[in-house]
N, C-alpha and C. Protein backbone atom coordinates (compact mmCIF):
# COMPACT_ATOMS: atom_id res chain seq x y z
N MET A 1 34.87 22.63 7.00
CA MET A 1 34.60 23.67 6.04
C MET A 1 33.59 23.20 4.98
N LEU A 2 33.80 21.97 4.48
CA LEU A 2 32.88 21.43 3.48
C LEU A 2 31.48 21.23 4.06
N ARG A 3 31.41 20.83 5.31
CA ARG A 3 30.11 20.63 5.97
C ARG A 3 29.35 21.95 6.07
N THR A 4 30.04 23.04 6.33
CA THR A 4 29.40 24.35 6.41
C THR A 4 28.84 24.77 5.05
N ILE A 5 29.61 24.55 4.01
CA ILE A 5 29.15 24.88 2.66
C ILE A 5 27.94 24.04 2.29
N LEU A 6 27.98 22.74 2.58
CA LEU A 6 26.84 21.86 2.29
C LEU A 6 25.60 22.29 3.08
N THR A 7 25.78 22.72 4.31
CA THR A 7 24.66 23.15 5.13
C THR A 7 24.03 24.42 4.56
N VAL A 8 24.85 25.36 4.12
CA VAL A 8 24.32 26.60 3.54
C VAL A 8 23.55 26.30 2.25
N VAL A 9 24.12 25.44 1.40
CA VAL A 9 23.43 25.07 0.15
C VAL A 9 22.14 24.32 0.46
N PHE A 10 22.16 23.47 1.47
CA PHE A 10 20.96 22.73 1.87
C PHE A 10 19.86 23.69 2.33
N ILE A 11 20.23 24.70 3.09
CA ILE A 11 19.24 25.68 3.55
C ILE A 11 18.66 26.45 2.37
N LEU A 12 19.50 26.82 1.41
CA LEU A 12 19.01 27.52 0.22
C LEU A 12 18.06 26.65 -0.60
N VAL A 13 18.39 25.36 -0.73
CA VAL A 13 17.51 24.43 -1.45
C VAL A 13 16.18 24.30 -0.71
N CYS A 14 16.22 24.23 0.61
CA CYS A 14 14.99 24.13 1.41
C CYS A 14 14.10 25.35 1.21
N LEU A 15 14.69 26.53 1.24
CA LEU A 15 13.91 27.75 1.04
C LEU A 15 13.33 27.83 -0.37
N ALA A 16 14.12 27.47 -1.36
CA ALA A 16 13.63 27.50 -2.74
C ALA A 16 12.52 26.47 -2.95
N LEU A 17 12.68 25.29 -2.38
CA LEU A 17 11.66 24.25 -2.51
C LEU A 17 10.35 24.68 -1.85
N SER A 18 10.44 25.28 -0.69
CA SER A 18 9.24 25.75 0.01
C SER A 18 8.53 26.83 -0.80
N THR A 19 9.30 27.74 -1.37
CA THR A 19 8.71 28.83 -2.15
C THR A 19 8.02 28.30 -3.41
N ILE A 20 8.65 27.38 -4.10
CA ILE A 20 8.08 26.86 -5.34
C ILE A 20 6.84 26.01 -5.06
N VAL A 21 6.86 25.24 -3.99
CA VAL A 21 5.68 24.43 -3.65
C VAL A 21 4.49 25.34 -3.31
N LEU A 22 4.75 26.42 -2.59
CA LEU A 22 3.67 27.34 -2.24
C LEU A 22 3.16 28.13 -3.45
N ALA A 23 3.98 28.28 -4.48
CA ALA A 23 3.58 29.02 -5.67
C ALA A 23 2.70 28.20 -6.61
N GLN A 24 2.65 26.90 -6.43
CA GLN A 24 1.87 26.05 -7.33
C GLN A 24 0.38 26.12 -7.00
N GLU A 25 -0.40 25.85 -8.04
CA GLU A 25 -1.85 25.80 -7.87
C GLU A 25 -2.25 24.44 -7.31
N GLY A 26 -3.47 24.38 -6.79
CA GLY A 26 -4.00 23.10 -6.31
C GLY A 26 -4.28 22.16 -7.46
N LYS A 27 -4.33 20.88 -7.18
CA LYS A 27 -4.54 19.89 -8.24
C LYS A 27 -6.02 19.53 -8.43
N SER A 28 -6.90 20.08 -7.62
CA SER A 28 -8.31 19.74 -7.77
C SER A 28 -8.90 20.53 -8.94
N ALA A 29 -9.44 19.83 -9.89
CA ALA A 29 -10.00 20.46 -11.08
C ALA A 29 -11.48 20.78 -10.91
N GLY A 30 -12.07 20.32 -9.85
CA GLY A 30 -13.48 20.60 -9.62
C GLY A 30 -14.39 19.74 -10.48
N LEU A 31 -15.60 20.19 -10.71
CA LEU A 31 -16.56 19.42 -11.49
C LEU A 31 -16.28 19.46 -12.98
N GLY A 32 -15.43 20.38 -13.43
CA GLY A 32 -15.09 20.45 -14.85
C GLY A 32 -14.36 19.22 -15.32
N ALA A 33 -13.64 18.55 -14.46
CA ALA A 33 -12.90 17.35 -14.85
C ALA A 33 -13.84 16.19 -15.13
N ILE A 34 -15.00 16.17 -14.48
CA ILE A 34 -15.96 15.08 -14.70
C ILE A 34 -16.56 15.16 -16.09
N SER A 35 -16.90 16.37 -16.53
CA SER A 35 -17.55 16.52 -17.82
C SER A 35 -16.56 16.64 -18.97
N GLY A 36 -15.29 16.67 -18.69
CA GLY A 36 -14.29 16.78 -19.74
C GLY A 36 -13.92 18.20 -20.07
N ALA A 37 -14.41 19.17 -19.34
CA ALA A 37 -14.11 20.57 -19.62
C ALA A 37 -12.69 20.95 -19.24
N ALA A 38 -12.02 20.13 -18.50
CA ALA A 38 -10.65 20.44 -18.07
C ALA A 38 -9.65 20.23 -19.20
N GLU A 39 -10.04 19.55 -20.25
CA GLU A 39 -9.13 19.29 -21.36
C GLU A 39 -9.19 20.46 -22.35
N THR A 40 -8.50 21.53 -22.02
CA THR A 40 -8.46 22.71 -22.85
C THR A 40 -7.07 22.86 -23.44
N TYR A 41 -6.83 23.98 -24.09
CA TYR A 41 -5.50 24.25 -24.65
C TYR A 41 -4.46 24.26 -23.55
N TRP A 42 -4.78 24.88 -22.42
CA TRP A 42 -3.82 24.97 -21.32
C TRP A 42 -3.59 23.62 -20.68
N GLY A 43 -4.60 22.76 -20.67
CA GLY A 43 -4.43 21.43 -20.11
C GLY A 43 -3.54 20.55 -20.97
N LYS A 44 -3.65 20.71 -22.28
CA LYS A 44 -2.85 19.90 -23.19
C LYS A 44 -1.39 20.35 -23.23
N ASN A 45 -1.16 21.64 -23.09
CA ASN A 45 0.20 22.19 -23.17
C ASN A 45 0.72 22.60 -21.80
N LYS A 46 0.39 21.83 -20.80
CA LYS A 46 0.77 22.19 -19.44
C LYS A 46 2.27 22.12 -19.23
N GLY A 47 2.97 21.26 -19.96
CA GLY A 47 4.41 21.14 -19.81
C GLY A 47 5.16 22.39 -20.23
N ARG A 48 4.58 23.17 -21.12
CA ARG A 48 5.23 24.39 -21.60
C ARG A 48 4.80 25.62 -20.81
N SER A 49 3.82 25.48 -19.98
CA SER A 49 3.32 26.62 -19.23
C SER A 49 4.15 26.85 -17.97
N MET A 50 3.82 27.91 -17.25
CA MET A 50 4.51 28.21 -16.01
C MET A 50 4.29 27.11 -14.98
N GLU A 51 3.10 26.54 -14.96
CA GLU A 51 2.80 25.45 -14.02
C GLU A 51 3.66 24.23 -14.30
N GLY A 52 3.89 23.94 -15.57
CA GLY A 52 4.75 22.82 -15.94
C GLY A 52 6.19 23.05 -15.51
N LYS A 53 6.65 24.28 -15.63
CA LYS A 53 8.02 24.61 -15.19
C LYS A 53 8.13 24.52 -13.68
N LEU A 54 7.10 24.93 -12.96
CA LEU A 54 7.13 24.82 -11.50
C LEU A 54 7.19 23.36 -11.05
N VAL A 55 6.48 22.49 -11.75
CA VAL A 55 6.52 21.06 -11.42
C VAL A 55 7.91 20.50 -11.67
N LEU A 56 8.53 20.91 -12.79
CA LEU A 56 9.88 20.44 -13.10
C LEU A 56 10.88 20.93 -12.04
N PHE A 57 10.82 22.21 -11.68
CA PHE A 57 11.72 22.75 -10.66
C PHE A 57 11.49 22.09 -9.31
N THR A 58 10.25 21.75 -9.02
CA THR A 58 9.95 21.06 -7.76
C THR A 58 10.63 19.70 -7.72
N ARG A 59 10.56 18.98 -8.81
CA ARG A 59 11.20 17.66 -8.87
C ARG A 59 12.71 17.76 -8.72
N ILE A 60 13.30 18.73 -9.41
CA ILE A 60 14.76 18.90 -9.34
C ILE A 60 15.18 19.28 -7.92
N LEU A 61 14.46 20.22 -7.30
CA LEU A 61 14.82 20.64 -5.95
C LEU A 61 14.55 19.54 -4.93
N ALA A 62 13.53 18.72 -5.15
CA ALA A 62 13.27 17.61 -4.22
C ALA A 62 14.41 16.59 -4.28
N ILE A 63 14.91 16.32 -5.47
CA ILE A 63 16.04 15.41 -5.60
C ILE A 63 17.28 16.00 -4.93
N ALA A 64 17.52 17.29 -5.15
CA ALA A 64 18.66 17.95 -4.51
C ALA A 64 18.51 17.94 -3.00
N PHE A 65 17.30 18.15 -2.50
CA PHE A 65 17.03 18.12 -1.06
C PHE A 65 17.40 16.76 -0.47
N MET A 66 16.97 15.70 -1.14
CA MET A 66 17.28 14.36 -0.64
C MET A 66 18.77 14.06 -0.68
N LEU A 67 19.44 14.46 -1.76
CA LEU A 67 20.87 14.21 -1.87
C LEU A 67 21.66 14.96 -0.79
N PHE A 68 21.32 16.23 -0.57
CA PHE A 68 22.02 16.99 0.46
C PHE A 68 21.72 16.46 1.85
N ALA A 69 20.51 15.99 2.07
CA ALA A 69 20.17 15.41 3.37
C ALA A 69 20.99 14.16 3.64
N VAL A 70 21.16 13.33 2.62
CA VAL A 70 21.98 12.12 2.77
C VAL A 70 23.44 12.49 2.99
N LEU A 71 23.94 13.46 2.21
CA LEU A 71 25.34 13.86 2.35
C LEU A 71 25.63 14.44 3.73
N LEU A 72 24.70 15.23 4.25
CA LEU A 72 24.92 15.84 5.55
C LEU A 72 24.82 14.84 6.69
N ASN A 73 24.13 13.73 6.49
CA ASN A 73 24.01 12.72 7.53
C ASN A 73 25.16 11.71 7.52
N MET A 74 26.01 11.79 6.52
CA MET A 74 27.18 10.92 6.50
C MET A 74 28.19 11.43 7.53
N LYS A 75 28.91 10.54 8.11
CA LYS A 75 29.87 10.91 9.16
C LYS A 75 31.24 11.30 8.59
N ARG A 76 31.39 11.34 7.30
CA ARG A 76 32.67 11.65 6.68
C ARG A 76 32.98 13.14 6.67
N PHE A 77 31.96 13.98 6.74
CA PHE A 77 32.18 15.43 6.64
C PHE A 77 32.25 16.04 8.01
């Protein structure tokens, strides 16, 4: 029973992680990064923006993904 619950939660984490990764923008700043044009208001406050929240959620879901993968591979459940 516990293994079934862990599997369902693992699948939900996988779907959420895939969705959040696909929602993020690319990391290439183009030629603006060479001249320093990438350092704008949005670049300085990226942690408070939607992109910063997506990065945080990605990290949390990646950790959850790894933990559930380890738990499901244990022979105790």
